[in-house]
């Protein structure tokens, strides 16, 4: 039997800078750019999507605390690559036409 450390992580479908479309969860229907990919946890951070509010305390004299909106992780199964032509999520992107 294989342990979690011995199993291979899933094949990367996204990388930093890709455009993705969210298909499930509270941010369903939104799209954005991938900021970070964590393949060990199988999650991505998407710019402006799944915003959480982080409460911070002032750490130094004169610094202000407050509520900071930040992106939360989304599981890779809940996002699809964004087709630039249709602006919708697609299961498989068609290869670019070979012009020559």
N, C-alpha and C. Protein backbone atom coordinates (compact mmCIF):
# COMPACT_ATOMS: atom_id res chain seq x y z
N UNK A 1 0.84 -1.17 0.00
CA UNK A 1 0.00 0.00 0.00
C UNK A 1 0.89 1.24 0.00
N UNK A 2 0.51 2.25 -0.80
CA UNK A 2 1.28 3.48 -0.90
C UNK A 2 0.80 4.47 0.15
N UNK A 3 1.76 5.20 0.70
CA UNK A 3 1.40 6.26 1.65
C UNK A 3 1.20 7.56 0.86
N UNK A 4 0.73 8.58 1.53
CA UNK A 4 0.49 9.86 0.88
C UNK A 4 1.78 10.45 0.32
N UNK A 5 2.90 10.20 0.98
CA UNK A 5 4.18 10.74 0.53
C UNK A 5 4.66 10.04 -0.74
N UNK A 6 4.22 8.80 -0.97
CA UNK A 6 4.68 8.04 -2.13
C UNK A 6 3.82 8.27 -3.37
N UNK A 7 2.62 8.78 -3.20
CA UNK A 7 1.76 9.01 -4.36
C UNK A 7 2.19 10.28 -5.08
N UNK A 8 2.07 10.28 -6.39
CA UNK A 8 2.44 11.44 -7.16
C UNK A 8 1.34 12.50 -7.08
N UNK A 9 1.72 13.78 -7.03
CA UNK A 9 0.69 14.83 -7.05
C UNK A 9 0.00 14.83 -8.41
N UNK A 10 -1.22 15.39 -8.49
CA UNK A 10 -1.93 15.40 -9.76
C UNK A 10 -1.19 16.21 -10.82
N UNK A 11 -1.47 15.89 -12.08
CA UNK A 11 -0.82 16.58 -13.19
C UNK A 11 -1.23 18.06 -13.19
N UNK A 12 -0.28 18.98 -13.24
CA UNK A 12 -0.62 20.41 -13.19
C UNK A 12 -1.45 20.83 -14.41
N UNK A 13 -2.62 21.42 -14.14
CA UNK A 13 -3.47 21.95 -15.21
C UNK A 13 -3.36 23.46 -15.27
N UNK A 14 -2.89 24.07 -14.19
CA UNK A 14 -2.82 25.52 -14.10
C UNK A 14 -1.42 25.94 -13.66
N UNK A 15 -1.06 27.13 -14.03
CA UNK A 15 0.18 27.71 -13.53
C UNK A 15 -0.09 29.19 -13.23
N UNK A 16 0.82 29.81 -12.53
CA UNK A 16 0.68 31.21 -12.16
C UNK A 16 0.52 32.06 -13.42
N UNK A 17 -0.50 32.93 -13.39
CA UNK A 17 -0.74 33.81 -14.53
C UNK A 17 -1.84 33.34 -15.46
N UNK A 18 -2.27 32.07 -15.36
CA UNK A 18 -3.35 31.56 -16.19
C UNK A 18 -4.67 32.21 -15.79
N UNK A 19 -5.59 32.32 -16.75
CA UNK A 19 -6.94 32.79 -16.46
C UNK A 19 -7.84 31.59 -16.23
N UNK A 20 -8.63 31.65 -15.15
CA UNK A 20 -9.51 30.52 -14.82
C UNK A 20 -10.92 31.01 -14.55
N UNK A 21 -11.89 30.08 -14.63
CA UNK A 21 -13.30 30.33 -14.41
C UNK A 21 -13.76 29.41 -13.28
N UNK A 22 -14.42 29.96 -12.25
CA UNK A 22 -14.86 29.18 -11.09
C UNK A 22 -16.22 28.55 -11.41
N UNK A 23 -16.34 27.22 -11.23
CA UNK A 23 -17.57 26.52 -11.59
C UNK A 23 -18.36 26.04 -10.38
N UNK A 24 -17.81 26.18 -9.17
CA UNK A 24 -18.52 25.70 -7.98
C UNK A 24 -18.11 26.53 -6.77
N UNK A 25 -18.99 26.57 -5.77
CA UNK A 25 -18.69 27.28 -4.53
C UNK A 25 -19.35 28.65 -4.50
N UNK A 26 -19.02 29.43 -3.47
CA UNK A 26 -19.67 30.73 -3.30
C UNK A 26 -19.25 31.74 -4.37
N UNK A 27 -18.15 31.51 -5.05
CA UNK A 27 -17.68 32.41 -6.10
C UNK A 27 -17.98 31.87 -7.49
N UNK A 28 -18.97 31.01 -7.60
CA UNK A 28 -19.32 30.39 -8.88
C UNK A 28 -19.66 31.47 -9.92
N UNK A 29 -19.09 31.31 -11.13
CA UNK A 29 -19.36 32.25 -12.21
C UNK A 29 -18.34 33.36 -12.34
N UNK A 30 -17.43 33.48 -11.38
CA UNK A 30 -16.41 34.53 -11.44
C UNK A 30 -15.17 33.99 -12.14
N UNK A 31 -14.37 34.91 -12.66
CA UNK A 31 -13.12 34.51 -13.29
C UNK A 31 -12.01 35.43 -12.82
N UNK A 32 -10.78 34.97 -12.96
CA UNK A 32 -9.64 35.76 -12.54
C UNK A 32 -8.34 35.09 -12.91
N UNK A 33 -7.26 35.71 -12.47
CA UNK A 33 -5.91 35.24 -12.78
C UNK A 33 -5.36 34.44 -11.60
N UNK A 34 -4.68 33.34 -11.88
CA UNK A 34 -4.09 32.50 -10.83
C UNK A 34 -2.90 33.23 -10.23
N UNK A 35 -2.93 33.40 -8.89
CA UNK A 35 -1.82 34.05 -8.17
C UNK A 35 -0.82 33.03 -7.65
N UNK A 36 -1.34 31.86 -7.22
CA UNK A 36 -0.48 30.85 -6.61
C UNK A 36 -1.13 29.48 -6.78
N UNK A 37 -0.30 28.46 -6.97
CA UNK A 37 -0.78 27.09 -7.10
C UNK A 37 -0.07 26.24 -6.05
N UNK A 38 -0.84 25.46 -5.28
CA UNK A 38 -0.27 24.55 -4.29
C UNK A 38 -0.73 23.14 -4.65
N UNK A 39 0.17 22.37 -5.31
CA UNK A 39 -0.23 21.03 -5.77
C UNK A 39 -0.21 20.00 -4.66
N UNK A 40 0.45 20.27 -3.56
CA UNK A 40 0.39 19.33 -2.43
C UNK A 40 -1.01 19.31 -1.84
N UNK A 41 -1.64 20.51 -1.76
CA UNK A 41 -3.01 20.61 -1.23
C UNK A 41 -4.05 20.63 -2.33
N UNK A 42 -3.62 20.69 -3.60
CA UNK A 42 -4.51 20.75 -4.77
C UNK A 42 -5.43 21.96 -4.73
N UNK A 43 -4.85 23.13 -4.43
CA UNK A 43 -5.64 24.37 -4.39
C UNK A 43 -4.94 25.46 -5.19
N UNK A 44 -5.74 26.45 -5.62
CA UNK A 44 -5.21 27.63 -6.31
C UNK A 44 -5.75 28.88 -5.63
N UNK A 45 -5.00 29.97 -5.71
CA UNK A 45 -5.46 31.28 -5.27
C UNK A 45 -5.74 32.09 -6.53
N UNK A 46 -6.95 32.65 -6.63
CA UNK A 46 -7.35 33.39 -7.82
C UNK A 46 -7.59 34.84 -7.42
N UNK A 47 -7.03 35.77 -8.18
CA UNK A 47 -7.10 37.20 -7.88
C UNK A 47 -8.55 37.69 -7.89
N UNK A 48 -8.99 38.27 -6.77
CA UNK A 48 -10.32 38.85 -6.66
C UNK A 48 -11.46 37.86 -6.50
N UNK A 49 -11.15 36.59 -6.27
CA UNK A 49 -12.18 35.55 -6.14
C UNK A 49 -12.04 34.88 -4.78
N UNK A 50 -13.17 34.49 -4.18
CA UNK A 50 -13.21 33.83 -2.87
C UNK A 50 -12.54 34.71 -1.82
N UNK A 51 -12.99 35.96 -1.75
CA UNK A 51 -12.38 36.92 -0.82
C UNK A 51 -12.79 36.62 0.62
N UNK A 52 -11.79 36.58 1.49
CA UNK A 52 -11.98 36.38 2.92
C UNK A 52 -11.55 37.67 3.61
N UNK A 53 -12.01 37.86 4.83
CA UNK A 53 -11.61 39.05 5.58
C UNK A 53 -10.72 38.64 6.74
N UNK A 54 -9.51 39.17 6.74
CA UNK A 54 -8.55 38.85 7.80
C UNK A 54 -8.49 40.03 8.76
N UNK A 55 -8.70 39.77 10.04
CA UNK A 55 -8.66 40.81 11.06
C UNK A 55 -7.24 40.88 11.61
N UNK A 56 -6.65 42.07 11.55
CA UNK A 56 -5.27 42.24 12.01
C UNK A 56 -5.20 43.22 13.17
N UNK A 57 -4.27 42.96 14.07
CA UNK A 57 -4.02 43.86 15.20
C UNK A 57 -2.81 44.72 14.87
N UNK A 58 -2.75 45.92 15.43
CA UNK A 58 -1.54 46.72 15.23
C UNK A 58 -0.35 46.04 15.90
N UNK A 59 0.76 45.96 15.21
CA UNK A 59 1.95 45.27 15.73
C UNK A 59 2.97 46.23 16.31
N UNK A 60 3.02 47.46 15.82
CA UNK A 60 4.00 48.44 16.30
C UNK A 60 3.28 49.70 16.75
N UNK A 61 4.01 50.52 17.47
CA UNK A 61 3.48 51.81 17.92
C UNK A 61 3.11 52.66 16.70
N UNK A 62 1.88 53.14 16.66
CA UNK A 62 1.44 54.00 15.56
C UNK A 62 0.87 53.26 14.37
N UNK A 63 1.02 51.94 14.31
CA UNK A 63 0.47 51.15 13.21
C UNK A 63 -1.01 50.92 13.46
N UNK A 64 -1.78 50.84 12.38
CA UNK A 64 -3.21 50.63 12.52
C UNK A 64 -3.58 49.19 12.24
N UNK A 65 -4.52 48.68 12.99
CA UNK A 65 -5.09 47.38 12.71
C UNK A 65 -6.28 47.56 11.78
N UNK A 66 -6.93 46.48 11.44
CA UNK A 66 -8.10 46.61 10.58
C UNK A 66 -8.51 45.29 9.98
N UNK A 67 -9.42 45.37 9.04
CA UNK A 67 -9.93 44.20 8.34
C UNK A 67 -9.40 44.25 6.91
N UNK A 68 -8.64 43.23 6.52
CA UNK A 68 -8.00 43.20 5.21
C UNK A 68 -8.64 42.11 4.36
N UNK A 69 -9.21 42.45 3.19
CA UNK A 69 -9.72 41.40 2.30
C UNK A 69 -8.55 40.68 1.63
N UNK A 70 -8.63 39.35 1.59
CA UNK A 70 -7.58 38.56 0.94
C UNK A 70 -8.21 37.36 0.25
N UNK A 71 -7.52 36.82 -0.75
CA UNK A 71 -8.03 35.67 -1.49
C UNK A 71 -7.87 34.40 -0.68
N UNK A 72 -8.89 33.55 -0.72
CA UNK A 72 -8.83 32.25 -0.08
C UNK A 72 -8.59 31.17 -1.13
N UNK A 73 -8.15 29.99 -0.71
CA UNK A 73 -7.87 28.92 -1.66
C UNK A 73 -9.15 28.32 -2.25
N UNK A 74 -9.04 27.86 -3.49
CA UNK A 74 -10.12 27.17 -4.18
C UNK A 74 -9.56 25.85 -4.68
N UNK A 75 -10.27 24.75 -4.48
CA UNK A 75 -9.81 23.45 -4.93
C UNK A 75 -9.75 23.44 -6.45
N UNK A 76 -8.74 22.75 -7.01
CA UNK A 76 -8.54 22.76 -8.46
C UNK A 76 -9.71 22.13 -9.21
N UNK A 77 -10.49 21.27 -8.56
CA UNK A 77 -11.64 20.67 -9.23
C UNK A 77 -12.77 21.66 -9.43
N UNK A 78 -12.70 22.82 -8.75
CA UNK A 78 -13.76 23.83 -8.86
C UNK A 78 -13.43 24.96 -9.82
N UNK A 79 -12.34 24.84 -10.56
CA UNK A 79 -11.98 25.85 -11.55
C UNK A 79 -11.67 25.19 -12.89
N UNK A 80 -11.92 25.94 -13.97
CA UNK A 80 -11.62 25.48 -15.32
C UNK A 80 -10.78 26.53 -16.02
N UNK A 81 -9.97 26.12 -17.00
CA UNK A 81 -9.25 27.12 -17.79
C UNK A 81 -10.24 28.01 -18.52
N UNK A 82 -9.91 29.28 -18.67
CA UNK A 82 -10.80 30.24 -19.31
C UNK A 82 -10.44 30.34 -20.78
N UNK A 83 -11.45 30.16 -21.66
CA UNK A 83 -11.26 30.31 -23.10
C UNK A 83 -11.32 31.79 -23.44
N UNK A 84 -10.24 32.39 -23.97
CA UNK A 84 -10.25 33.82 -24.21
C UNK A 84 -11.28 34.26 -25.25
N UNK A 85 -11.64 33.38 -26.17
CA UNK A 85 -12.59 33.75 -27.23
C UNK A 85 -14.01 33.86 -26.69
N UNK A 86 -14.44 32.89 -25.89
CA UNK A 86 -15.83 32.87 -25.40
C UNK A 86 -15.98 33.43 -24.00
N UNK A 87 -14.85 33.65 -23.28
CA UNK A 87 -14.85 34.13 -21.88
C UNK A 87 -15.61 33.18 -20.97
N UNK A 88 -15.57 31.86 -21.26
CA UNK A 88 -16.20 30.85 -20.42
C UNK A 88 -15.18 29.76 -20.12
N UNK A 89 -15.48 28.97 -19.10
CA UNK A 89 -14.60 27.87 -18.75
C UNK A 89 -14.76 26.72 -19.73
N UNK A 90 -13.68 26.06 -20.07
CA UNK A 90 -13.71 24.93 -20.99
C UNK A 90 -12.94 23.78 -20.38
N UNK A 91 -13.38 22.57 -20.67
CA UNK A 91 -12.70 21.39 -20.14
C UNK A 91 -11.34 21.20 -20.83
N UNK A 92 -11.32 21.42 -22.15
CA UNK A 92 -10.07 21.29 -22.90
C UNK A 92 -9.92 22.50 -23.80
N UNK A 93 -8.78 23.16 -23.71
CA UNK A 93 -8.51 24.29 -24.59
C UNK A 93 -8.09 23.77 -25.95
N UNK A 94 -8.62 24.38 -27.01
CA UNK A 94 -8.22 24.00 -28.35
C UNK A 94 -6.86 24.61 -28.63
N UNK A 95 -5.98 23.86 -29.28
CA UNK A 95 -4.66 24.41 -29.58
C UNK A 95 -4.79 25.58 -30.56
N UNK A 96 -3.87 26.53 -30.44
CA UNK A 96 -3.89 27.70 -31.32
C UNK A 96 -3.65 27.26 -32.76
N UNK A 97 -4.33 27.92 -33.68
CA UNK A 97 -4.18 27.57 -35.10
C UNK A 97 -2.76 27.84 -35.54
N UNK A 98 -2.20 26.89 -36.26
CA UNK A 98 -0.82 27.04 -36.74
C UNK A 98 -0.83 27.91 -37.99
N UNK A 99 -0.37 29.11 -37.84
CA UNK A 99 -0.29 30.02 -39.00
C UNK A 99 1.12 30.02 -39.56
N UNK A 100 1.23 29.83 -40.85
CA UNK A 100 2.58 29.78 -41.31
C UNK A 100 2.72 30.18 -42.66
